[in-house]
Amino acid sequence: MNQKGKIIIVFIFVFTMLVIGTLFADEAAKAKALVEKGVVMAVTKGEEPTLQAIQNVNGPFIDGDLYLFAGPLDRVTMTAHPYKPQIVNTDLSTFNDGHGNFLFFDFAKIAIEDGAGWTEYWWPKPGSDELSHKRTYVMRVPGQDMYIACEYYMD
């Protein structure tokens, strides 16, 4: 391969990495903004209306592949999840992602210790049993013993 061909391949590689990085940055910004929107509702309208809105698959907290879920700070469970209502109010303390990450503990830990932040773990995509890399933004609701979170796939 000549020098010009090598330069073109490097350019294509760098361009592709920039595009992928931008897409992940956009997803991260959208996830964080959606969480902030949910926290604002929880603070201004209260916990119960917010949990109902989060639970609603046609509600205001579904944005394409992004959606909110919520959990308490004093138990390892979910209090709202639009696509997995079967895990709401279920003990999730022994659940791990198959890679040893106890993600439901991590959500509450981030909310309690940092107020907000990111975590990563593995979770199957809808309709699949294969684990995929996920990233989640978690934020504690001020004045309440709950967190709200949003996640997106990294692959």
C-alpha atoms as a PDB file:
ATOM      1  CA  MET A   1       0.000   0.000   0.000  1.00  0.00           C
ATOM      2  CA  ASN A   2       1.352   3.407  -0.914  1.00  0.00           C
ATOM      3  CA  GLN A   3       1.626   6.432   1.385  1.00  0.00           C
ATOM      4  CA  LYS A   4      -1.566   8.028   0.034  1.00  0.00           C
ATOM      5  CA  GLY A   5      -3.564   4.845   0.770  1.00  0.00           C
ATOM      6  CA  LYS A   6      -2.222   4.722   4.331  1.00  0.00           C
ATOM      7  CA  ILE A   7      -3.174   8.362   4.903  1.00  0.00           C
ATOM      8  CA  ILE A   8      -6.692   7.721   3.636  1.00  0.00           C
ATOM      9  CA  ILE A   9      -7.098   4.704   5.947  1.00  0.00           C
ATOM     10  CA  VAL A  10      -5.850   6.714   8.945  1.00  0.00           C
ATOM     11  CA  PHE A  11      -8.187   9.585   8.050  1.00  0.00           C
ATOM     12  CA  ILE A  12     -11.181   7.237   7.795  1.00  0.00           C
ATOM     13  CA  PHE A  13     -10.286   5.623  11.136  1.00  0.00           C
ATOM     14  CA  VAL A  14      -9.889   8.978  12.932  1.00  0.00           C
ATOM     15  CA  PHE A  15     -13.103  10.331  11.391  1.00  0.00           C
ATOM     16  CA  THR A  16     -15.026   7.200  12.432  1.00  0.00           C
ATOM     17  CA  MET A  17     -13.718   7.467  16.018  1.00  0.00           C
ATOM     18  CA  LEU A  18     -14.712  11.131  16.172  1.00  0.00           C
ATOM     19  CA  VAL A  19     -18.227  10.348  14.946  1.00  0.00           C
ATOM     20  CA  ILE A  20     -18.631   7.486  17.446  1.00  0.00           C
ATOM     21  CA  GLY A  21     -17.281   9.657  20.272  1.00  0.00           C
ATOM     22  CA  THR A  22     -19.693  12.443  19.360  1.00  0.00           C
ATOM     23  CA  LEU A  23     -22.634  10.037  19.300  1.00  0.00           C
ATOM     24  CA  PHE A  24     -21.772   8.749  22.793  1.00  0.00           C
ATOM     25  CA  ALA A  25     -21.268  12.303  24.052  1.00  0.00           C
ATOM     26  CA  ASP A  26     -24.681  13.247  22.640  1.00  0.00           C
ATOM     27  CA  GLU A  27     -26.310  10.214  24.304  1.00  0.00           C
ATOM     28  CA  ALA A  28     -24.643  11.075  27.611  1.00  0.00           C
ATOM     29  CA  ALA A  29     -25.839  14.693  27.422  1.00  0.00           C
ATOM     30  CA  LYS A  30     -29.379  13.606  26.511  1.00  0.00           C
ATOM     31  CA  ALA A  31     -29.451  11.025  29.337  1.00  0.00           C
ATOM     32  CA  LYS A  32     -28.266  13.586  31.874  1.00  0.00           C
ATOM     33  CA  ALA A  33     -30.797  16.173  30.667  1.00  0.00           C
ATOM     34  CA  LEU A  34     -33.636  13.646  30.898  1.00  0.00           C
ATOM     35  CA  VAL A  35     -32.638  12.781  34.485  1.00  0.00           C
ATOM     36  CA  GLU A  36     -32.521  16.471  35.387  1.00  0.00           C
ATOM     37  CA  LYS A  37     -36.007  16.910  33.906  1.00  0.00           C
ATOM     38  CA  GLY A  38     -37.278  14.028  36.060  1.00  0.00           C
ATOM     39  CA  VAL A  39     -35.641  15.423  39.190  1.00  0.00           C
ATOM     40  CA  VAL A  40     -37.225  18.829  38.567  1.00  0.00           C
ATOM     41  CA  MET A  41     -40.645  17.172  38.318  1.00  0.00           C
ATOM     42  CA  ALA A  42     -40.040  15.193  41.518  1.00  0.00           C
ATOM     43  CA  VAL A  43     -39.060  18.352  43.398  1.00  0.00           C
ATOM     44  CA  THR A  44     -41.889  20.525  42.038  1.00  0.00           C
ATOM     45  CA  LYS A  45     -44.766  18.026  41.723  1.00  0.00           C
ATOM     46  CA  GLY A  46     -43.805  15.314  44.191  1.00  0.00           C
ATOM     47  CA  GLU A  47     -42.661  11.721  44.210  1.00  0.00           C
ATOM     48  CA  GLU A  48     -45.882   9.898  43.326  1.00  0.00           C
ATOM     49  CA  PRO A  49     -46.776  11.855  40.141  1.00  0.00           C
ATOM     50  CA  THR A  50     -43.151  11.546  39.008  1.00  0.00           C
ATOM     51  CA  LEU A  51     -43.055   7.784  39.556  1.00  0.00           C
ATOM     52  CA  GLN A  52     -46.325   7.435  37.618  1.00  0.00           C
ATOM     53  CA  ALA A  53     -44.884   9.491  34.743  1.00  0.00           C
ATOM     54  CA  ILE A  54     -41.684   7.405  34.725  1.00  0.00           C
ATOM     55  CA  GLN A  55     -43.700   4.182  34.725  1.00  0.00           C
ATOM     56  CA  ASN A  56     -45.749   5.329  31.701  1.00  0.00           C
ATOM     57  CA  VAL A  57     -44.301   3.936  28.429  1.00  0.00           C
ATOM     58  CA  ASN A  58     -46.029   6.803  26.577  1.00  0.00           C
ATOM     59  CA  GLY A  59     -45.034   9.414  29.151  1.00  0.00           C
ATOM     60  CA  PRO A  60     -42.715  12.412  29.102  1.00  0.00           C
ATOM     61  CA  PHE A  61     -39.631  10.457  30.165  1.00  0.00           C
ATOM     62  CA  ILE A  62     -39.234   8.269  27.097  1.00  0.00           C
ATOM     63  CA  ASP A  63     -36.931   9.724  24.444  1.00  0.00           C
ATOM     64  CA  GLY A  64     -36.170   7.188  21.716  1.00  0.00           C
ATOM     65  CA  ASP A  65     -34.026   4.516  23.379  1.00  0.00           C
ATOM     66  CA  LEU A  66     -33.590   6.643  26.498  1.00  0.00           C
ATOM     67  CA  TYR A  67     -35.939   6.309  29.462  1.00  0.00           C
ATOM     68  CA  LEU A  68     -35.942   7.077  33.156  1.00  0.00           C
ATOM     69  CA  PHE A  69     -36.211   4.666  36.057  1.00  0.00           C
ATOM     70  CA  ALA A  70     -36.250   5.366  39.788  1.00  0.00           C
ATOM     71  CA  GLY A  71     -35.302   3.701  43.029  1.00  0.00           C
ATOM     72  CA  PRO A  72     -35.236   4.334  46.775  1.00  0.00           C
ATOM     73  CA  LEU A  73     -32.117   5.050  48.789  1.00  0.00           C
ATOM     74  CA  ASP A  74     -33.023   2.756  51.690  1.00  0.00           C
ATOM     75  CA  ARG A  75     -33.724  -0.518  49.818  1.00  0.00           C
ATOM     76  CA  VAL A  76     -32.273  -2.274  46.781  1.00  0.00           C
ATOM     77  CA  THR A  77     -35.235  -2.242  44.413  1.00  0.00           C
ATOM     78  CA  MET A  78     -36.884  -0.120  41.719  1.00  0.00           C
ATOM     79  CA  THR A  79     -39.840   2.146  42.406  1.00  0.00           C
ATOM     80  CA  ALA A  80     -40.545   2.847  38.721  1.00  0.00           C
ATOM     81  CA  HIS A  81     -39.403   1.305  35.444  1.00  0.00           C
ATOM     82  CA  PRO A  82     -41.369   1.753  32.211  1.00  0.00           C
ATOM     83  CA  TYR A  83     -40.256  -1.445  30.482  1.00  0.00           C
ATOM     84  CA  LYS A  84     -39.677  -3.839  33.382  1.00  0.00           C
ATOM     85  CA  PRO A  85     -42.598  -3.346  35.783  1.00  0.00           C
ATOM     86  CA  GLN A  86     -41.943  -6.850  37.127  1.00  0.00           C
ATOM     87  CA  ILE A  87     -38.837  -5.589  38.973  1.00  0.00           C
ATOM     88  CA  VAL A  88     -40.664  -2.731  40.723  1.00  0.00           C
ATOM     89  CA  ASN A  89     -40.717  -3.357  44.491  1.00  0.00           C
ATOM     90  CA  THR A  90     -38.736  -6.592  44.038  1.00  0.00           C
ATOM     91  CA  ASP A  91     -35.630  -7.273  46.142  1.00  0.00           C
ATOM     92  CA  LEU A  92     -32.703  -6.769  43.751  1.00  0.00           C
ATOM     93  CA  SER A  93     -29.926  -7.013  46.344  1.00  0.00           C
ATOM     94  CA  THR A  94     -28.525 -10.264  44.930  1.00  0.00           C
ATOM     95  CA  PHE A  95     -28.803  -9.273  41.269  1.00  0.00           C
ATOM     96  CA  ASN A  96     -25.553  -8.708  39.384  1.00  0.00           C
ATOM     97  CA  ASP A  97     -24.894  -8.106  35.704  1.00  0.00           C
ATOM     98  CA  GLY A  98     -22.967 -11.308  35.009  1.00  0.00           C
ATOM     99  CA  HIS A  99     -19.659  -9.456  35.352  1.00  0.00           C
ATOM    100  CA  GLY A 100     -19.874  -9.106  39.136  1.00  0.00           C
ATOM    101  CA  ASN A 101     -21.373  -5.603  39.196  1.00  0.00           C
ATOM    102  CA  PHE A 102     -24.209  -5.180  41.688  1.00  0.00           C
ATOM    103  CA  LEU A 103     -25.652  -2.295  39.710  1.00  0.00           C
ATOM    104  CA  PHE A 104     -28.700  -1.630  41.875  1.00  0.00           C
ATOM    105  CA  PHE A 105     -26.414  -1.062  44.886  1.00  0.00           C
ATOM    106  CA  ASP A 106     -24.275   1.229  42.732  1.00  0.00           C
ATOM    107  CA  PHE A 107     -27.220   3.437  41.769  1.00  0.00           C
ATOM    108  CA  ALA A 108     -28.117   4.184  45.399  1.00  0.00           C
ATOM    109  CA  LYS A 109     -24.461   4.504  46.422  1.00  0.00           C
ATOM    110  CA  ILE A 110     -23.807   7.175  43.785  1.00  0.00           C
ATOM    111  CA  ALA A 111     -26.929   9.089  44.811  1.00  0.00           C
ATOM    112  CA  ILE A 112     -26.099   8.918  48.533  1.00  0.00           C
ATOM    113  CA  GLU A 113     -22.358   9.571  48.370  1.00  0.00           C
ATOM    114  CA  ASP A 114     -22.005  11.915  45.388  1.00  0.00           C
ATOM    115  CA  GLY A 115     -25.495  13.255  44.719  1.00  0.00           C
ATOM    116  CA  ALA A 116     -25.075  12.405  41.037  1.00  0.00           C
ATOM    117  CA  GLY A 117     -22.738  10.531  38.743  1.00  0.00           C
ATOM    118  CA  TRP A 118     -22.113   7.815  36.173  1.00  0.00           C
ATOM    119  CA  THR A 119     -21.764   4.037  36.418  1.00  0.00           C
ATOM    120  CA  GLU A 120     -21.231   1.292  33.837  1.00  0.00           C
ATOM    121  CA  TYR A 121     -22.370  -2.322  33.737  1.00  0.00           C
ATOM    122  CA  TRP A 122     -23.679  -5.030  31.402  1.00  0.00           C
ATOM    123  CA  TRP A 123     -27.334  -5.577  30.446  1.00  0.00           C
ATOM    124  CA  PRO A 124     -29.068  -7.361  27.543  1.00  0.00           C
ATOM    125  CA  LYS A 125     -30.620  -5.270  24.813  1.00  0.00           C
ATOM    126  CA  PRO A 126     -34.378  -5.669  24.355  1.00  0.00           C
ATOM    127  CA  GLY A 127     -35.124  -8.983  22.650  1.00  0.00           C
ATOM    128  CA  SER A 128     -31.638 -10.372  23.305  1.00  0.00           C
ATOM    129  CA  ASP A 129     -30.012 -12.548  25.951  1.00  0.00           C
ATOM    130  CA  GLU A 130     -26.516 -11.319  25.052  1.00  0.00           C
ATOM    131  CA  LEU A 131     -25.017  -8.796  27.486  1.00  0.00           C
ATOM    132  CA  SER A 132     -24.181  -5.324  26.169  1.00  0.00           C
ATOM    133  CA  HIS A 133     -22.204  -2.511  27.789  1.00  0.00           C
ATOM    134  CA  LYS A 134     -24.413   0.162  29.395  1.00  0.00           C
ATOM    135  CA  ARG A 135     -23.740   3.510  31.008  1.00  0.00           C
ATOM    136  CA  THR A 136     -26.132   5.120  33.500  1.00  0.00           C
ATOM    137  CA  TYR A 137     -26.453   8.602  34.943  1.00  0.00           C
ATOM    138  CA  VAL A 138     -27.921   8.656  38.467  1.00  0.00           C
ATOM    139  CA  MET A 139     -29.096  11.686  40.462  1.00  0.00           C
ATOM    140  CA  ARG A 140     -30.516  11.961  43.961  1.00  0.00           C
ATOM    141  CA  VAL A 141     -33.762  13.894  44.249  1.00  0.00           C
ATOM    142  CA  PRO A 142     -33.097  16.719  46.732  1.00  0.00           C
ATOM    143  CA  GLY A 143     -35.229  16.451  49.865  1.00  0.00           C
ATOM    144  CA  GLN A 144     -36.403  12.922  49.009  1.00  0.00           C
ATOM    145  CA  ASP A 145     -35.035   9.441  49.643  1.00  0.00           C
ATOM    146  CA  MET A 146     -34.958   8.442  45.993  1.00  0.00           C
ATOM    147  CA  TYR A 147     -32.847   8.642  42.872  1.00  0.00           C
ATOM    148  CA  ILE A 148     -33.745   8.963  39.214  1.00  0.00           C
ATOM    149  CA  ALA A 149     -31.548   7.500  36.488  1.00  0.00           C
ATOM    150  CA  CYS A 150     -31.224   7.081  32.726  1.00  0.00           C
ATOM    151  CA  GLU A 151     -29.053   4.661  30.798  1.00  0.00           C
ATOM    152  CA  TYR A 152     -27.826   4.050  27.280  1.00  0.00           C
ATOM    153  CA  TYR A 153     -25.962   1.271  25.472  1.00  0.00           C
ATOM    154  CA  MET A 154     -22.285   1.830  24.702  1.00  0.00           C
ATOM    155  CA  ASP A 155     -22.224  -0.547  21.736  1.00  0.00           C
END
